[in-house]
Amino acid sequence: MINNLIEATLNKVGILVEHLTTDTYDDKYIIYSIYSDTEIANYDNENEAELYRINVKFYYKNKEDIKLIKKIKDCMKDSDFYFSNGEELRKEDNYFGYSLYFIYECIKEE
């Protein structure tokens, strides 16, 4: 399942990783979500692959932790996720934030 791959990949960063939301607010943490799941490569009414679009939000209190954005990108790219784009988030409750968008193509096995 794609969620297992995302979590295993993001856990390599070494900080808390949660899906959709969290009740634990460490000094830095990641929340991810899948915002699009599209069937592609359709033949004879069967799809041969799926294209996932994933949002990874990184929250941190210490400005020096901004360097972890590169580590997140590198970990995801090492697991064959394509980095699409990123953007800063508005500071909230003493947390800085950065949102990263990735694309992953999963080819179905026979």
N, C-alpha and C. Protein backbone atom coordinates (compact mmCIF):
# COMPACT_ATOMS: atom_id res chain seq x y z
N MET A 1 0.84 -1.19 0.00
CA MET A 1 0.00 0.00 0.00
C MET A 1 0.88 1.25 0.00
N ILE A 2 0.46 2.26 -0.69
CA ILE A 2 1.26 3.47 -0.85
C ILE A 2 1.56 4.14 0.49
N ASN A 3 0.62 4.09 1.44
CA ASN A 3 0.86 4.73 2.73
C ASN A 3 2.06 4.12 3.44
N ASN A 4 2.20 2.79 3.36
CA ASN A 4 3.34 2.12 3.99
C ASN A 4 4.66 2.60 3.39
N LEU A 5 4.69 2.74 2.06
CA LEU A 5 5.90 3.21 1.39
C LEU A 5 6.22 4.65 1.80
N ILE A 6 5.22 5.49 1.84
CA ILE A 6 5.44 6.90 2.23
C ILE A 6 5.98 6.97 3.65
N GLU A 7 5.34 6.26 4.58
CA GLU A 7 5.78 6.32 5.98
C GLU A 7 7.18 5.75 6.16
N ALA A 8 7.46 4.61 5.53
CA ALA A 8 8.80 4.02 5.64
C ALA A 8 9.86 4.98 5.09
N THR A 9 9.53 5.65 4.01
CA THR A 9 10.46 6.59 3.40
C THR A 9 10.68 7.81 4.30
N LEU A 10 9.60 8.39 4.79
CA LEU A 10 9.71 9.60 5.62
C LEU A 10 10.32 9.30 6.99
N ASN A 11 10.16 8.08 7.49
CA ASN A 11 10.76 7.72 8.78
C ASN A 11 12.28 7.79 8.74
N LYS A 12 12.86 7.72 7.54
CA LYS A 12 14.31 7.83 7.39
C LYS A 12 14.82 9.21 7.76
N VAL A 13 13.92 10.20 7.78
CA VAL A 13 14.31 11.56 8.16
C VAL A 13 14.62 11.61 9.66
N GLY A 14 13.99 10.73 10.43
CA GLY A 14 14.30 10.63 11.86
C GLY A 14 13.44 11.49 12.77
N ILE A 15 12.28 11.93 12.27
CA ILE A 15 11.36 12.70 13.11
C ILE A 15 9.96 12.09 13.02
N LEU A 16 9.06 12.57 13.88
CA LEU A 16 7.69 12.07 13.91
C LEU A 16 7.03 12.21 12.55
N VAL A 17 6.37 11.14 12.08
CA VAL A 17 5.63 11.13 10.81
C VAL A 17 4.21 10.68 11.11
N GLU A 18 3.22 11.46 10.66
CA GLU A 18 1.81 11.13 10.87
C GLU A 18 1.05 11.28 9.55
N HIS A 19 -0.04 10.56 9.44
CA HIS A 19 -0.92 10.62 8.27
C HIS A 19 -2.11 11.52 8.60
N LEU A 20 -2.33 12.56 7.84
CA LEU A 20 -3.45 13.50 7.91
C LEU A 20 -3.42 14.46 9.10
N THR A 21 -3.16 13.99 10.31
CA THR A 21 -3.18 14.87 11.48
C THR A 21 -2.32 14.28 12.58
N THR A 22 -2.11 15.03 13.64
CA THR A 22 -1.36 14.53 14.78
C THR A 22 -1.90 15.13 16.08
N ASP A 23 -1.74 14.39 17.15
CA ASP A 23 -2.06 14.89 18.49
C ASP A 23 -0.77 15.14 19.27
N THR A 24 0.35 14.77 18.68
CA THR A 24 1.66 14.94 19.31
C THR A 24 2.42 16.02 18.57
N TYR A 25 2.77 17.06 19.27
CA TYR A 25 3.44 18.19 18.62
C TYR A 25 4.87 18.30 19.14
N ASP A 26 5.78 17.59 18.47
CA ASP A 26 7.20 17.68 18.80
C ASP A 26 7.74 19.01 18.26
N ASP A 27 9.02 19.27 18.51
CA ASP A 27 9.63 20.49 17.98
C ASP A 27 9.65 20.50 16.46
N LYS A 28 9.62 19.31 15.87
CA LYS A 28 9.54 19.19 14.41
C LYS A 28 8.81 17.89 14.10
N TYR A 29 7.99 17.93 13.07
CA TYR A 29 7.23 16.75 12.68
C TYR A 29 6.74 16.89 11.25
N ILE A 30 6.30 15.74 10.70
CA ILE A 30 5.81 15.68 9.33
C ILE A 30 4.38 15.14 9.33
N ILE A 31 3.53 15.77 8.54
CA ILE A 31 2.18 15.24 8.28
C ILE A 31 2.06 15.09 6.77
N TYR A 32 1.63 13.90 6.33
CA TYR A 32 1.49 13.70 4.89
C TYR A 32 0.05 13.32 4.54
N SER A 33 -0.29 13.55 3.29
CA SER A 33 -1.60 13.13 2.79
C SER A 33 -1.48 12.84 1.29
N ILE A 34 -2.40 12.01 0.82
CA ILE A 34 -2.50 11.72 -0.60
C ILE A 34 -3.67 12.55 -1.11
N TYR A 35 -3.39 13.50 -1.98
CA TYR A 35 -4.46 14.39 -2.42
C TYR A 35 -5.01 14.03 -3.80
N SER A 36 -4.39 13.04 -4.45
CA SER A 36 -4.92 12.59 -5.73
C SER A 36 -4.44 11.17 -6.00
N ASP A 37 -5.36 10.34 -6.45
CA ASP A 37 -5.06 8.96 -6.84
C ASP A 37 -5.77 8.73 -8.16
N THR A 38 -5.00 8.62 -9.24
CA THR A 38 -5.56 8.53 -10.57
C THR A 38 -5.13 7.23 -11.24
N GLU A 39 -6.09 6.53 -11.82
CA GLU A 39 -5.77 5.35 -12.61
C GLU A 39 -5.29 5.80 -13.98
N ILE A 40 -4.17 5.23 -14.42
CA ILE A 40 -3.61 5.60 -15.73
C ILE A 40 -3.30 4.34 -16.51
N ALA A 41 -2.90 4.51 -17.75
CA ALA A 41 -2.56 3.40 -18.63
C ALA A 41 -3.71 2.41 -18.71
N ASN A 42 -4.87 2.91 -19.09
CA ASN A 42 -6.07 2.07 -19.21
C ASN A 42 -6.12 1.35 -20.55
N TYR A 43 -6.32 0.04 -20.49
CA TYR A 43 -6.47 -0.79 -21.67
C TYR A 43 -7.57 -1.81 -21.41
N ASP A 44 -8.51 -1.90 -22.30
CA ASP A 44 -9.63 -2.84 -22.16
C ASP A 44 -10.31 -2.71 -20.80
N ASN A 45 -10.54 -1.48 -20.40
CA ASN A 45 -11.22 -1.16 -19.14
C ASN A 45 -10.45 -1.63 -17.90
N GLU A 46 -9.17 -1.84 -18.03
CA GLU A 46 -8.31 -2.21 -16.91
C GLU A 46 -7.18 -1.18 -16.82
N ASN A 47 -6.91 -0.73 -15.60
CA ASN A 47 -5.80 0.20 -15.47
C ASN A 47 -4.53 -0.58 -15.14
N GLU A 48 -3.43 -0.14 -15.71
CA GLU A 48 -2.15 -0.82 -15.53
C GLU A 48 -1.25 -0.09 -14.53
N ALA A 49 -1.67 1.10 -14.13
CA ALA A 49 -0.85 1.88 -13.20
C ALA A 49 -1.72 2.90 -12.47
N GLU A 50 -1.17 3.39 -11.36
CA GLU A 50 -1.83 4.47 -10.62
C GLU A 50 -0.83 5.59 -10.40
N LEU A 51 -1.32 6.79 -10.45
CA LEU A 51 -0.50 7.97 -10.23
C LEU A 51 -0.98 8.64 -8.95
N TYR A 52 -0.09 8.75 -7.97
CA TYR A 52 -0.42 9.35 -6.68
C TYR A 52 0.24 10.72 -6.58
N ARG A 53 -0.49 11.65 -6.04
CA ARG A 53 0.06 12.97 -5.72
C ARG A 53 0.02 13.10 -4.20
N ILE A 54 1.18 13.39 -3.63
CA ILE A 54 1.34 13.37 -2.17
C ILE A 54 1.79 14.73 -1.68
N ASN A 55 1.18 15.16 -0.58
CA ASN A 55 1.58 16.39 0.07
C ASN A 55 2.27 16.03 1.39
N VAL A 56 3.46 16.56 1.58
CA VAL A 56 4.23 16.35 2.80
C VAL A 56 4.43 17.71 3.44
N LYS A 57 3.85 17.88 4.63
CA LYS A 57 4.01 19.14 5.35
C LYS A 57 4.99 18.94 6.50
N PHE A 58 6.01 19.78 6.51
CA PHE A 58 7.05 19.72 7.54
C PHE A 58 6.90 20.95 8.44
N TYR A 59 6.74 20.71 9.74
CA TYR A 59 6.59 21.78 10.73
C TYR A 59 7.79 21.75 11.67
N TYR A 60 8.30 22.94 12.01
CA TYR A 60 9.48 23.01 12.86
C TYR A 60 9.48 24.34 13.62
N LYS A 61 10.10 24.32 14.82
CA LYS A 61 10.19 25.52 15.65
C LYS A 61 11.54 26.22 15.50
N ASN A 62 12.60 25.45 15.36
CA ASN A 62 13.96 25.98 15.27
C ASN A 62 14.28 26.27 13.80
N LYS A 63 14.62 27.51 13.52
CA LYS A 63 14.91 27.90 12.12
C LYS A 63 16.03 27.07 11.50
N GLU A 64 16.94 26.55 12.32
CA GLU A 64 18.03 25.75 11.78
C GLU A 64 17.53 24.42 11.21
N ASP A 65 16.36 23.98 11.60
CA ASP A 65 15.80 22.72 11.10
C ASP A 65 15.33 22.81 9.65
N ILE A 66 15.38 24.01 9.07
CA ILE A 66 14.98 24.16 7.67
C ILE A 66 15.83 23.27 6.76
N LYS A 67 17.05 22.93 7.22
CA LYS A 67 17.92 22.05 6.43
C LYS A 67 17.32 20.67 6.23
N LEU A 68 16.34 20.28 7.05
CA LEU A 68 15.70 18.97 6.90
C LEU A 68 14.81 18.90 5.66
N ILE A 69 14.47 20.04 5.10
CA ILE A 69 13.67 20.03 3.86
C ILE A 69 14.44 19.28 2.77
N LYS A 70 15.72 19.52 2.65
CA LYS A 70 16.53 18.81 1.66
C LYS A 70 16.58 17.32 1.97
N LYS A 71 16.67 16.97 3.24
CA LYS A 71 16.71 15.55 3.61
C LYS A 71 15.39 14.86 3.26
N ILE A 72 14.27 15.55 3.48
CA ILE A 72 12.96 15.01 3.11
C ILE A 72 12.91 14.77 1.60
N LYS A 73 13.33 15.78 0.82
CA LYS A 73 13.34 15.65 -0.64
C LYS A 73 14.21 14.47 -1.07
N ASP A 74 15.41 14.39 -0.51
CA ASP A 74 16.35 13.34 -0.91
C ASP A 74 15.80 11.95 -0.57
N CYS A 75 15.23 11.79 0.61
CA CYS A 75 14.66 10.49 1.00
C CYS A 75 13.53 10.08 0.05
N MET A 76 12.66 11.02 -0.26
CA MET A 76 11.54 10.71 -1.15
C MET A 76 12.05 10.38 -2.56
N LYS A 77 12.99 11.17 -3.07
CA LYS A 77 13.52 10.91 -4.41
C LYS A 77 14.27 9.58 -4.47
N ASP A 78 14.95 9.22 -3.39
CA ASP A 78 15.64 7.93 -3.34
C ASP A 78 14.66 6.75 -3.41
N SER A 79 13.41 6.99 -3.06
CA SER A 79 12.37 5.95 -3.13
C SER A 79 11.49 6.12 -4.37
N ASP A 80 11.99 6.82 -5.36
CA ASP A 80 11.35 6.99 -6.67
C ASP A 80 10.14 7.91 -6.67
N PHE A 81 10.03 8.79 -5.70
CA PHE A 81 9.02 9.85 -5.73
C PHE A 81 9.62 11.01 -6.50
N TYR A 82 8.82 11.63 -7.35
CA TYR A 82 9.24 12.79 -8.13
C TYR A 82 8.84 14.05 -7.36
N PHE A 83 9.81 14.94 -7.12
CA PHE A 83 9.50 16.20 -6.45
C PHE A 83 8.88 17.16 -7.45
N SER A 84 7.67 17.63 -7.16
CA SER A 84 6.96 18.53 -8.05
C SER A 84 7.25 19.99 -7.69
N ASN A 85 6.94 20.38 -6.46
CA ASN A 85 7.21 21.75 -6.02
C ASN A 85 7.03 21.84 -4.50
N GLY A 86 7.36 23.01 -3.97
CA GLY A 86 7.24 23.25 -2.54
C GLY A 86 6.91 24.71 -2.28
N GLU A 87 6.42 24.96 -1.06
CA GLU A 87 6.10 26.34 -0.69
C GLU A 87 6.13 26.50 0.83
N GLU A 88 6.49 27.70 1.25
CA GLU A 88 6.47 28.00 2.67
C GLU A 88 5.03 28.15 3.14
N LEU A 89 4.81 27.78 4.39
CA LEU A 89 3.50 27.95 5.00
C LEU A 89 3.56 29.10 6.00
N ARG A 90 2.41 29.67 6.27
CA ARG A 90 2.33 30.74 7.25
C ARG A 90 2.71 30.22 8.63
N LYS A 91 3.46 31.00 9.39
CA LYS A 91 3.85 30.60 10.74
C LYS A 91 2.61 30.58 11.63
N GLU A 92 2.44 29.44 12.34
CA GLU A 92 1.29 29.29 13.24
C GLU A 92 1.74 28.64 14.53
N ASP A 93 1.27 29.16 15.65
CA ASP A 93 1.55 28.57 16.97
C ASP A 93 3.03 28.26 17.16
N ASN A 94 3.89 29.20 16.83
CA ASN A 94 5.34 29.07 16.97
C ASN A 94 5.98 28.05 16.05
N TYR A 95 5.25 27.57 15.06
CA TYR A 95 5.80 26.61 14.10
C TYR A 95 5.96 27.29 12.74
N PHE A 96 7.13 27.06 12.14
CA PHE A 96 7.32 27.38 10.74
C PHE A 96 6.84 26.16 9.96
N GLY A 97 6.51 26.34 8.71
CA GLY A 97 6.06 25.20 7.94
C GLY A 97 6.51 25.27 6.49
N TYR A 98 6.65 24.09 5.90
CA TYR A 98 7.00 23.99 4.49
C TYR A 98 6.22 22.82 3.91
N SER A 99 5.58 23.05 2.79
CA SER A 99 4.77 22.04 2.14
C SER A 99 5.47 21.57 0.87
N LEU A 100 5.66 20.26 0.75
CA LEU A 100 6.33 19.67 -0.41
C LEU A 100 5.35 18.77 -1.14
N TYR A 101 5.38 18.82 -2.46
CA TYR A 101 4.47 18.02 -3.29
C TYR A 101 5.28 17.03 -4.11
N PHE A 102 4.83 15.77 -4.09
CA PHE A 102 5.51 14.70 -4.79
C PHE A 102 4.52 13.93 -5.66
N ILE A 103 5.05 13.26 -6.67
CA ILE A 103 4.27 12.41 -7.56
C ILE A 103 4.91 11.03 -7.54
N TYR A 104 4.07 10.00 -7.51
CA TYR A 104 4.57 8.62 -7.52
C TYR A 104 3.72 7.79 -8.46
N GLU A 105 4.37 7.10 -9.38
CA GLU A 105 3.66 6.21 -10.31
C GLU A 105 3.89 4.77 -9.88
N CYS A 106 2.78 4.07 -9.69
CA CYS A 106 2.82 2.68 -9.24
C CYS A 106 2.27 1.81 -10.36
N ILE A 107 3.11 0.97 -10.92
CA ILE A 107 2.69 0.06 -11.99
C ILE A 107 2.21 -1.23 -11.34
N LYS A 108 1.01 -1.67 -11.74
CA LYS A 108 0.45 -2.90 -11.17
C LYS A 108 1.24 -4.11 -11.63
N GLU A 109 1.44 -5.02 -10.69
CA GLU A 109 2.10 -6.27 -11.03
C GLU A 109 1.06 -7.32 -11.37
N GLU A 110 1.40 -8.20 -12.27
CA GLU A 110 0.45 -9.24 -12.69
C GLU A 110 0.41 -10.38 -11.71
